Structure formats: C-alpha cells, structure tokens
Amino acid sequence: MGSKGLIFLILLLIASSEAQEWAGTDEKAEDLIKEINPDYEPWLSPIWEPPSGEIESLLFSVQAALGALLIGYILGYYRAKHARNA
C-alpha cells in the first residue's frame, strides 16, 4: 500500500470514528429558521417523503448520477462534433 492509500485509510478511520450527523442543508436551514422565528410556517410541503434516510440518499445519488451522465454526454457530443469539423 502506497503512502496515498495509507493517508486515505487514516482519514477514513478518523472520519468514521467521529460522531457526525449527516444532515442536508435543507434540514439545517429549517432548524436555523425555526430558531430565529419559532412561529414561521413553511409555504410548501413535500408531495412525498421517502420512508427512510437511506432511500432519500439513494434517490439523491441516482439524481446526481443522471445529471453527471447528461453533462458528460453533452460535453462528449460537442467535443466529437468539434473534432469532426476540424
């Protein structure tokens, strides 16, 4: 194992040993707003809420992967088009 692998392993162990709450920015913002103004009522509510945090993370990951795939396809398309015309 190289030095990069060892550094990665140490950082992984440190990160996993610390008690961290993996909350999204939406949740943190909602908590801050409620702290500033306890009477605040949100304008909208979710149409559907996933039954667990794991499913929510899965859906977010799928959305990120599809977005990256689309951006990669578009960049590849225009790069190939430019290479063909040059």
PDB file of N, CA and C in Angstrom:
ATOM      1  N   MET A   1       0.859  -1.175   0.000  1.00  0.00           N
ATOM      2  CA  MET A   1       0.000   0.000   0.000  1.00  0.00           C
ATOM      3  C   MET A   1       0.897   1.227   0.000  1.00  0.00           C
ATOM      4  N   GLY A   2       0.621   2.125  -0.921  1.00  0.00           N
ATOM      5  CA  GLY A   2       1.414   3.336  -1.022  1.00  0.00           C
ATOM      6  C   GLY A   2       1.051   4.349   0.053  1.00  0.00           C
ATOM      7  N   SER A   3       1.792   5.443   0.046  1.00  0.00           N
ATOM      8  CA  SER A   3       1.557   6.474   1.059  1.00  0.00           C
ATOM      9  C   SER A   3       0.186   7.127   0.883  1.00  0.00           C
ATOM     10  N   LYS A   4      -0.276   7.237  -0.363  1.00  0.00           N
ATOM     11  CA  LYS A   4      -1.607   7.816  -0.597  1.00  0.00           C
ATOM     12  C   LYS A   4      -2.695   6.920  -0.021  1.00  0.00           C
ATOM     13  N   GLY A   5      -2.544   5.615  -0.186  1.00  0.00           N
ATOM     14  CA  GLY A   5      -3.520   4.676   0.355  1.00  0.00           C
ATOM     15  C   GLY A   5      -3.538   4.701   1.869  1.00  0.00           C
ATOM     16  N   LEU A   6      -2.365   4.842   2.471  1.00  0.00           N
ATOM     17  CA  LEU A   6      -2.268   4.903   3.924  1.00  0.00           C
ATOM     18  C   LEU A   6      -2.921   6.178   4.457  1.00  0.00           C
ATOM     19  N   ILE A   7      -2.678   7.293   3.800  1.00  0.00           N
ATOM     20  CA  ILE A   7      -3.304   8.559   4.209  1.00  0.00           C
ATOM     21  C   ILE A   7      -4.817   8.456   4.083  1.00  0.00           C
ATOM     22  N   PHE A   8      -5.299   7.876   2.984  1.00  0.00           N
ATOM     23  CA  PHE A   8      -6.737   7.712   2.795  1.00  0.00           C
ATOM     24  C   PHE A   8      -7.334   6.844   3.895  1.00  0.00           C
ATOM     25  N   LEU A   9      -6.651   5.757   4.239  1.00  0.00           N
ATOM     26  CA  LEU A   9      -7.141   4.852   5.278  1.00  0.00           C
ATOM     27  C   LEU A   9      -7.199   5.552   6.637  1.00  0.00           C
ATOM     28  N   ILE A  10      -6.185   6.335   6.956  1.00  0.00           N
ATOM     29  CA  ILE A  10      -6.173   7.068   8.225  1.00  0.00           C
ATOM     30  C   ILE A  10      -7.317   8.072   8.269  1.00  0.00           C
ATOM     31  N   LEU A  11      -7.508   8.827   7.189  1.00  0.00           N
ATOM     32  CA  LEU A  11      -8.594   9.808   7.144  1.00  0.00           C
ATOM     33  C   LEU A  11      -9.956   9.127   7.236  1.00  0.00           C
ATOM     34  N   LEU A  12     -10.104   7.978   6.598  1.00  0.00           N
ATOM     35  CA  LEU A  12     -11.356   7.230   6.663  1.00  0.00           C
ATOM     36  C   LEU A  12     -11.645   6.768   8.086  1.00  0.00           C
ATOM     37  N   LEU A  13     -10.631   6.283   8.773  1.00  0.00           N
ATOM     38  CA  LEU A  13     -10.804   5.845  10.159  1.00  0.00           C
ATOM     39  C   LEU A  13     -11.149   7.007  11.085  1.00  0.00           C
ATOM     40  N   ILE A  14     -10.517   8.144  10.874  1.00  0.00           N
ATOM     41  CA  ILE A  14     -10.810   9.323  11.694  1.00  0.00           C
ATOM     42  C   ILE A  14     -12.244   9.784  11.454  1.00  0.00           C
ATOM     43  N   ALA A  15     -12.646   9.846  10.200  1.00  0.00           N
ATOM     44  CA  ALA A  15     -14.000  10.310   9.869  1.00  0.00           C
ATOM     45  C   ALA A  15     -15.057   9.359  10.400  1.00  0.00           C
ATOM     46  N   SER A  16     -14.795   8.050  10.362  1.00  0.00           N
ATOM     47  CA  SER A  16     -15.804   7.100  10.817  1.00  0.00           C
ATOM     48  C   SER A  16     -15.862   7.021  12.338  1.00  0.00           C
ATOM     49  N   SER A  17     -14.779   7.386  13.019  1.00  0.00           N
ATOM     50  CA  SER A  17     -14.784   7.306  14.481  1.00  0.00           C
ATOM     51  C   SER A  17     -15.491   8.498  15.124  1.00  0.00           C
ATOM     52  N   GLU A  18     -15.552   9.612  14.430  1.00  0.00           N
ATOM     53  CA  GLU A  18     -16.220  10.791  14.969  1.00  0.00           C
ATOM     54  C   GLU A  18     -17.723  10.649  14.796  1.00  0.00           C
ATOM     55  N   ALA A  19     -18.465  11.081  15.802  1.00  0.00           N
ATOM     56  CA  ALA A  19     -19.933  11.045  15.708  1.00  0.00           C
ATOM     57  C   ALA A  19     -20.373  12.269  14.907  1.00  0.00           C
ATOM     58  N   GLN A  20     -20.844  12.025  13.711  1.00  0.00           N
ATOM     59  CA  GLN A  20     -21.271  13.115  12.843  1.00  0.00           C
ATOM     60  C   GLN A  20     -22.715  12.910  12.452  1.00  0.00           C
ATOM     61  N   GLU A  21     -23.424  14.008  12.376  1.00  0.00           N
ATOM     62  CA  GLU A  21     -24.797  13.943  11.890  1.00  0.00           C
ATOM     63  C   GLU A  21     -24.772  14.342  10.424  1.00  0.00           C
ATOM     64  N   TRP A  22     -25.201  13.446   9.583  1.00  0.00           N
ATOM     65  CA  TRP A  22     -25.197  13.697   8.154  1.00  0.00           C
ATOM     66  C   TRP A  22     -26.547  14.295   7.753  1.00  0.00           C
ATOM     67  N   ALA A  23     -26.708  15.561   8.035  1.00  0.00           N
ATOM     68  CA  ALA A  23     -27.951  16.246   7.699  1.00  0.00           C
ATOM     69  C   ALA A  23     -27.719  17.115   6.477  1.00  0.00           C
ATOM     70  N   GLY A  24     -28.754  17.254   5.683  1.00  0.00           N
ATOM     71  CA  GLY A  24     -28.653  18.089   4.498  1.00  0.00           C
ATOM     72  C   GLY A  24     -28.805  19.560   4.839  1.00  0.00           C
ATOM     73  N   THR A  25     -28.468  20.391   3.877  1.00  0.00           N
ATOM     74  CA  THR A  25     -28.559  21.834   4.106  1.00  0.00           C
ATOM     75  C   THR A  25     -30.002  22.276   4.299  1.00  0.00           C
ATOM     76  N   ASP A  26     -30.946  21.579   3.672  1.00  0.00           N
ATOM     77  CA  ASP A  26     -32.358  21.928   3.860  1.00  0.00           C
ATOM     78  C   ASP A  26     -32.762  21.792   5.324  1.00  0.00           C
ATOM     79  N   GLU A  27     -32.344  20.685   5.929  1.00  0.00           N
ATOM     80  CA  GLU A  27     -32.690  20.455   7.335  1.00  0.00           C
ATOM     81  C   GLU A  27     -32.010  21.469   8.245  1.00  0.00           C
ATOM     82  N   LYS A  28     -30.745  21.773   7.967  1.00  0.00           N
ATOM     83  CA  LYS A  28     -30.020  22.744   8.785  1.00  0.00           C
ATOM     84  C   LYS A  28     -30.633  24.126   8.650  1.00  0.00           C
ATOM     85  N   ALA A  29     -31.023  24.500   7.431  1.00  0.00           N
ATOM     86  CA  ALA A  29     -31.648  25.801   7.212  1.00  0.00           C
ATOM     87  C   ALA A  29     -32.994  25.882   7.925  1.00  0.00           C
ATOM     88  N   GLU A  30     -33.761  24.802   7.869  1.00  0.00           N
ATOM     89  CA  GLU A  30     -35.060  24.774   8.547  1.00  0.00           C
ATOM     90  C   GLU A  30     -34.890  24.932  10.059  1.00  0.00           C
ATOM     91  N   ASP A  31     -33.887  24.262  10.615  1.00  0.00           N
ATOM     92  CA  ASP A  31     -33.626  24.391  12.052  1.00  0.00           C
ATOM     93  C   ASP A  31     -33.227  25.817  12.416  1.00  0.00           C
ATOM     94  N   LEU A  32     -32.398  26.445  11.583  1.00  0.00           N
ATOM     95  CA  LEU A  32     -31.964  27.815  11.843  1.00  0.00           C
ATOM     96  C   LEU A  32     -33.133  28.795  11.751  1.00  0.00           C
ATOM     97  N   ILE A  33     -33.997  28.608  10.766  1.00  0.00           N
ATOM     98  CA  ILE A  33     -35.166  29.481  10.619  1.00  0.00           C
ATOM     99  C   ILE A  33     -36.084  29.340  11.825  1.00  0.00           C
ATOM    100  N   LYS A  34     -36.306  28.104  12.278  1.00  0.00           N
ATOM    101  CA  LYS A  34     -37.162  27.890  13.455  1.00  0.00           C
ATOM    102  C   LYS A  34     -36.539  28.485  14.710  1.00  0.00           C
ATOM    103  N   GLU A  35     -35.200  28.521  14.762  1.00  0.00           N
ATOM    104  CA  GLU A  35     -34.526  29.123  15.908  1.00  0.00           C
ATOM    105  C   GLU A  35     -34.701  30.640  15.894  1.00  0.00           C
ATOM    106  N   ILE A  36     -34.622  31.235  14.703  1.00  0.00           N
ATOM    107  CA  ILE A  36     -34.767  32.689  14.583  1.00  0.00           C
ATOM    108  C   ILE A  36     -36.223  33.104  14.769  1.00  0.00           C
ATOM    109  N   ASN A  37     -37.142  32.380  14.128  1.00  0.00           N
ATOM    110  CA  ASN A  37     -38.563  32.727  14.188  1.00  0.00           C
ATOM    111  C   ASN A  37     -39.367  31.452  14.450  1.00  0.00           C
ATOM    112  N   PRO A  38     -39.678  31.180  15.722  1.00  0.00           N
ATOM    113  CA  PRO A  38     -40.388  29.932  16.048  1.00  0.00           C
ATOM    114  C   PRO A  38     -41.794  29.840  15.443  1.00  0.00           C
ATOM    115  N   ASP A  39     -42.396  30.969  15.070  1.00  0.00           N
ATOM    116  CA  ASP A  39     -43.755  30.967  14.519  1.00  0.00           C
ATOM    117  C   ASP A  39     -43.788  30.778  13.003  1.00  0.00           C
ATOM    118  N   TYR A  40     -42.633  30.602  12.376  1.00  0.00           N
ATOM    119  CA  TYR A  40     -42.573  30.500  10.916  1.00  0.00           C
ATOM    120  C   TYR A  40     -43.268  29.230  10.440  1.00  0.00           C
ATOM    121  N   GLU A  41     -44.086  29.381   9.421  1.00  0.00           N
ATOM    122  CA  GLU A  41     -44.756  28.254   8.773  1.00  0.00           C
ATOM    123  C   GLU A  41     -44.269  28.163   7.328  1.00  0.00           C
ATOM    124  N   PRO A  42     -43.764  27.001   6.896  1.00  0.00           N
ATOM    125  CA  PRO A  42     -43.304  26.860   5.510  1.00  0.00           C
ATOM    126  C   PRO A  42     -44.442  27.092   4.512  1.00  0.00           C
ATOM    127  N   TRP A  43     -44.101  27.633   3.358  1.00  0.00           N
ATOM    128  CA  TRP A  43     -45.093  27.896   2.328  1.00  0.00           C
ATOM    129  C   TRP A  43     -45.557  26.605   1.672  1.00  0.00           C
ATOM    130  N   LEU A  44     -44.623  25.694   1.474  1.00  0.00           N
ATOM    131  CA  LEU A  44     -44.915  24.441   0.769  1.00  0.00           C
ATOM    132  C   LEU A  44     -44.522  23.258   1.634  1.00  0.00           C
ATOM    133  N   SER A  45     -45.077  22.127   1.328  1.00  0.00           N
ATOM    134  CA  SER A  45     -44.677  20.891   1.994  1.00  0.00           C
ATOM    135  C   SER A  45     -44.383  19.846   0.916  1.00  0.00           C
ATOM    136  N   PRO A  46     -43.542  18.869   1.233  1.00  0.00           N
ATOM    137  CA  PRO A  46     -43.204  17.855   0.226  1.00  0.00           C
ATOM    138  C   PRO A  46     -44.430  17.068  -0.218  1.00  0.00           C
ATOM    139  N   ILE A  47     -44.459  16.718  -1.503  1.00  0.00           N
ATOM    140  CA  ILE A  47     -45.541  15.897  -2.039  1.00  0.00           C
ATOM    141  C   ILE A  47     -45.417  14.482  -1.492  1.00  0.00           C
ATOM    142  N   TRP A  48     -44.169  13.982  -1.457  1.00  0.00           N
ATOM    143  CA  TRP A  48     -43.902  12.635  -0.963  1.00  0.00           C
ATOM    144  C   TRP A  48     -42.590  12.656  -0.201  1.00  0.00           C
ATOM    145  N   GLU A  49     -42.553  12.042   0.939  1.00  0.00           N
ATOM    146  CA  GLU A  49     -41.320  11.937   1.697  1.00  0.00           C
ATOM    147  C   GLU A  49     -40.893  10.487   1.744  1.00  0.00           C
ATOM    148  N   PRO A  50     -39.636  10.211   1.408  1.00  0.00           N
ATOM    149  CA  PRO A  50     -39.158   8.827   1.440  1.00  0.00           C
ATOM    150  C   PRO A  50     -39.296   8.240   2.842  1.00  0.00           C
ATOM    151  N   PRO A  51     -39.540   6.922   2.926  1.00  0.00           N
ATOM    152  CA  PRO A  51     -39.740   6.299   4.227  1.00  0.00           C
ATOM    153  C   PRO A  51     -38.496   6.281   5.117  1.00  0.00           C
ATOM    154  N   SER A  52     -37.291   6.415   4.529  1.00  0.00           N
ATOM    155  CA  SER A  52     -36.082   6.402   5.350  1.00  0.00           C
ATOM    156  C   SER A  52     -35.016   7.298   4.727  1.00  0.00           C
ATOM    157  N   GLY A  53     -34.025   7.608   5.538  1.00  0.00           N
ATOM    158  CA  GLY A  53     -32.918   8.429   5.060  1.00  0.00           C
ATOM    159  C   GLY A  53     -32.083   7.729   4.007  1.00  0.00           C
ATOM    160  N   GLU A  54     -32.024   6.402   4.090  1.00  0.00           N
ATOM    161  CA  GLU A  54     -31.245   5.649   3.113  1.00  0.00           C
ATOM    162  C   GLU A  54     -31.863   5.752   1.716  1.00  0.00           C
ATOM    163  N   ILE A  55     -33.175   5.675   1.656  1.00  0.00           N
ATOM    164  CA  ILE A  55     -33.861   5.792   0.363  1.00  0.00           C
ATOM    165  C   ILE A  55     -33.693   7.207  -0.177  1.00  0.00           C
ATOM    166  N   GLU A  56     -33.767   8.188   0.697  1.00  0.00           N
ATOM    167  CA  GLU A  56     -33.560   9.578   0.283  1.00  0.00           C
ATOM    168  C   GLU A  56     -32.153   9.757  -0.283  1.00  0.00           C
ATOM    169  N   SER A  57     -31.148   9.168   0.374  1.00  0.00           N
ATOM    170  CA  SER A  57     -29.774   9.234  -0.119  1.00  0.00           C
ATOM    171  C   SER A  57     -29.631   8.524  -1.459  1.00  0.00           C
ATOM    172  N   LEU A  58     -30.305   7.376  -1.604  1.00  0.00           N
ATOM    173  CA  LEU A  58     -30.264   6.640  -2.862  1.00  0.00           C
ATOM    174  C   LEU A  58     -30.844   7.480  -3.997  1.00  0.00           C
ATOM    175  N   LEU A  59     -31.994   8.093  -3.762  1.00  0.00           N
ATOM    176  CA  LEU A  59     -32.616   8.913  -4.799  1.00  0.00           C
ATOM    177  C   LEU A  59     -31.743  10.111  -5.156  1.00  0.00           C
ATOM    178  N   PHE A  60     -31.111  10.714  -4.154  1.00  0.00           N
ATOM    179  CA  PHE A  60     -30.213  11.831  -4.422  1.00  0.00           C
ATOM    180  C   PHE A  60     -29.021  11.374  -5.258  1.00  0.00           C
ATOM    181  N   SER A  61     -28.474  10.204  -4.938  1.00  0.00           N
ATOM    182  CA  SER A  61     -27.331   9.671  -5.686  1.00  0.00           C
ATOM    183  C   SER A  61     -27.709   9.364  -7.129  1.00  0.00           C
ATOM    184  N   VAL A  62     -28.893   8.787  -7.325  1.00  0.00           N
ATOM    185  CA  VAL A  62     -29.357   8.488  -8.679  1.00  0.00           C
ATOM    186  C   VAL A  62     -29.538   9.789  -9.465  1.00  0.00           C
ATOM    187  N   GLN A  63     -30.099  10.806  -8.816  1.00  0.00           N
ATOM    188  CA  GLN A  63     -30.282  12.093  -9.476  1.00  0.00           C
ATOM    189  C   GLN A  63     -28.926  12.698  -9.859  1.00  0.00           C
ATOM    190  N   ALA A  64     -27.942  12.621  -8.968  1.00  0.00           N
ATOM    191  CA  ALA A  64     -26.609  13.154  -9.261  1.00  0.00           C
ATOM    192  C   ALA A  64     -25.954  12.379 -10.404  1.00  0.00           C
ATOM    193  N   ALA A  65     -26.112  11.051 -10.413  1.00  0.00           N
ATOM    194  CA  ALA A  65     -25.523  10.233 -11.470  1.00  0.00           C
ATOM    195  C   ALA A  65     -26.154  10.543 -12.827  1.00  0.00           C
ATOM    196  N   LEU A  66     -27.469  10.697 -12.860  1.00  0.00           N
ATOM    197  CA  LEU A  66     -28.133  11.033 -14.124  1.00  0.00           C
ATOM    198  C   LEU A  66     -27.710  12.408 -14.624  1.00  0.00           C
ATOM    199  N   GLY A  67     -27.567  13.352 -13.721  1.00  0.00           N
ATOM    200  CA  GLY A  67     -27.102  14.686 -14.109  1.00  0.00           C
ATOM    201  C   GLY A  67     -25.689  14.641 -14.658  1.00  0.00           C
ATOM    202  N   ALA A  68     -24.805  13.885 -13.998  1.00  0.00           N
ATOM    203  CA  ALA A  68     -23.429  13.759 -14.479  1.00  0.00           C
ATOM    204  C   ALA A  68     -23.384  13.059 -15.829  1.00  0.00           C
ATOM    205  N   LEU A  69     -24.232  12.049 -16.005  1.00  0.00           N
ATOM    206  CA  LEU A  69     -24.304  11.345 -17.280  1.00  0.00           C
ATOM    207  C   LEU A  69     -24.752  12.290 -18.399  1.00  0.00           C
ATOM    208  N   LEU A  70     -25.744  13.088 -18.131  1.00  0.00           N
ATOM    209  CA  LEU A  70     -26.237  14.040 -19.129  1.00  0.00           C
ATOM    210  C   LEU A  70     -25.176  15.076 -19.484  1.00  0.00           C
ATOM    211  N   ILE A  71     -24.520  15.634 -18.480  1.00  0.00           N
ATOM    212  CA  ILE A  71     -23.468  16.621 -18.744  1.00  0.00           C
ATOM    213  C   ILE A  71     -22.319  15.975 -19.512  1.00  0.00           C
ATOM    214  N   GLY A  72     -21.922  14.752 -19.124  1.00  0.00           N
ATOM    215  CA  GLY A  72     -20.857  14.053 -19.833  1.00  0.00           C
ATOM    216  C   GLY A  72     -21.221  13.772 -21.280  1.00  0.00           C
ATOM    217  N   TYR A  73     -22.460  13.391 -21.519  1.00  0.00           N
ATOM    218  CA  TYR A  73     -22.907  13.128 -22.889  1.00  0.00           C
ATOM    219  C   TYR A  73     -22.847  14.401 -23.727  1.00  0.00           C
ATOM    220  N   ILE A  74     -23.348  15.496 -23.176  1.00  0.00           N
ATOM    221  CA  ILE A  74     -23.362  16.760 -23.924  1.00  0.00           C
ATOM    222  C   ILE A  74     -21.940  17.217 -24.229  1.00  0.00           C
ATOM    223  N   LEU A  75     -21.051  17.159 -23.221  1.00  0.00           N
ATOM    224  CA  LEU A  75     -19.665  17.563 -23.456  1.00  0.00           C
ATOM    225  C   LEU A  75     -18.995  16.651 -24.484  1.00  0.00           C
ATOM    226  N   GLY A  76     -19.225  15.352 -24.402  1.00  0.00           N
ATOM    227  CA  GLY A  76     -18.660  14.419 -25.369  1.00  0.00           C
ATOM    228  C   GLY A  76     -19.201  14.646 -26.768  1.00  0.00           C
ATOM    229  N   TYR A  77     -20.478  14.938 -26.867  1.00  0.00           N
ATOM    230  CA  TYR A  77     -21.105  15.190 -28.162  1.00  0.00           C
ATOM    231  C   TYR A  77     -20.462  16.397 -28.840  1.00  0.00           C
ATOM    232  N   TYR A  78     -20.341  17.498 -28.088  1.00  0.00           N
ATOM    233  CA  TYR A  78     -19.780  18.711 -28.686  1.00  0.00           C
ATOM    234  C   TYR A  78     -18.282  18.576 -28.954  1.00  0.00           C
ATOM    235  N   ARG A  79     -17.573  17.809 -28.134  1.00  0.00           N
ATOM    236  CA  ARG A  79     -16.152  17.590 -28.384  1.00  0.00           C
ATOM    237  C   ARG A  79     -15.971  16.763 -29.670  1.00  0.00           C
ATOM    238  N   ALA A  80     -16.774  15.722 -29.833  1.00  0.00           N
ATOM    239  CA  ALA A  80     -16.683  14.902 -31.043  1.00  0.00           C
ATOM    240  C   ALA A  80     -17.094  15.709 -32.272  1.00  0.00           C
ATOM    241  N   LYS A  81     -18.125  16.526 -32.125  1.00  0.00           N
ATOM    242  CA  LYS A  81     -18.566  17.362 -33.248  1.00  0.00           C
ATOM    243  C   LYS A  81     -17.486  18.348 -33.661  1.00  0.00           C
ATOM    244  N   HIS A  82     -16.804  18.921 -32.653  1.00  0.00           N
ATOM    245  CA  HIS A  82     -15.718  19.859 -32.943  1.00  0.00           C
ATOM    246  C   HIS A  82     -14.552  19.131 -33.590  1.00  0.00           C
ATOM    247  N   ALA A  83     -14.216  17.924 -33.130  1.00  0.00           N
ATOM    248  CA  ALA A  83     -13.116  17.145 -33.698  1.00  0.00           C
ATOM    249  C   ALA A  83     -13.419  16.720 -35.130  1.00  0.00           C
ATOM    250  N   ARG A  84     -14.670  16.424 -35.428  1.00  0.00           N
ATOM    251  CA  ARG A  84     -15.080  16.014 -36.775  1.00  0.00           C
ATOM    252  C   ARG A  84     -14.962  17.177 -37.764  1.00  0.00           C
ATOM    253  N   ASN A  85     -15.275  18.375 -37.310  1.00  0.00           N
ATOM    254  CA  ASN A  85     -15.256  19.547 -38.184  1.00  0.00           C
ATOM    255  C   ASN A  85     -13.872  20.153 -38.336  1.00  0.00           C
ATOM    256  N   ALA A  86     -12.929  19.767 -37.481  1.00  0.00           N
ATOM    257  CA  ALA A  86     -11.583  20.359 -37.530  1.00  0.00           C
ATOM    258  C   ALA A  86     -10.690  19.657 -38.507  1.00  0.00           C
TER     259      ALA A  86
END
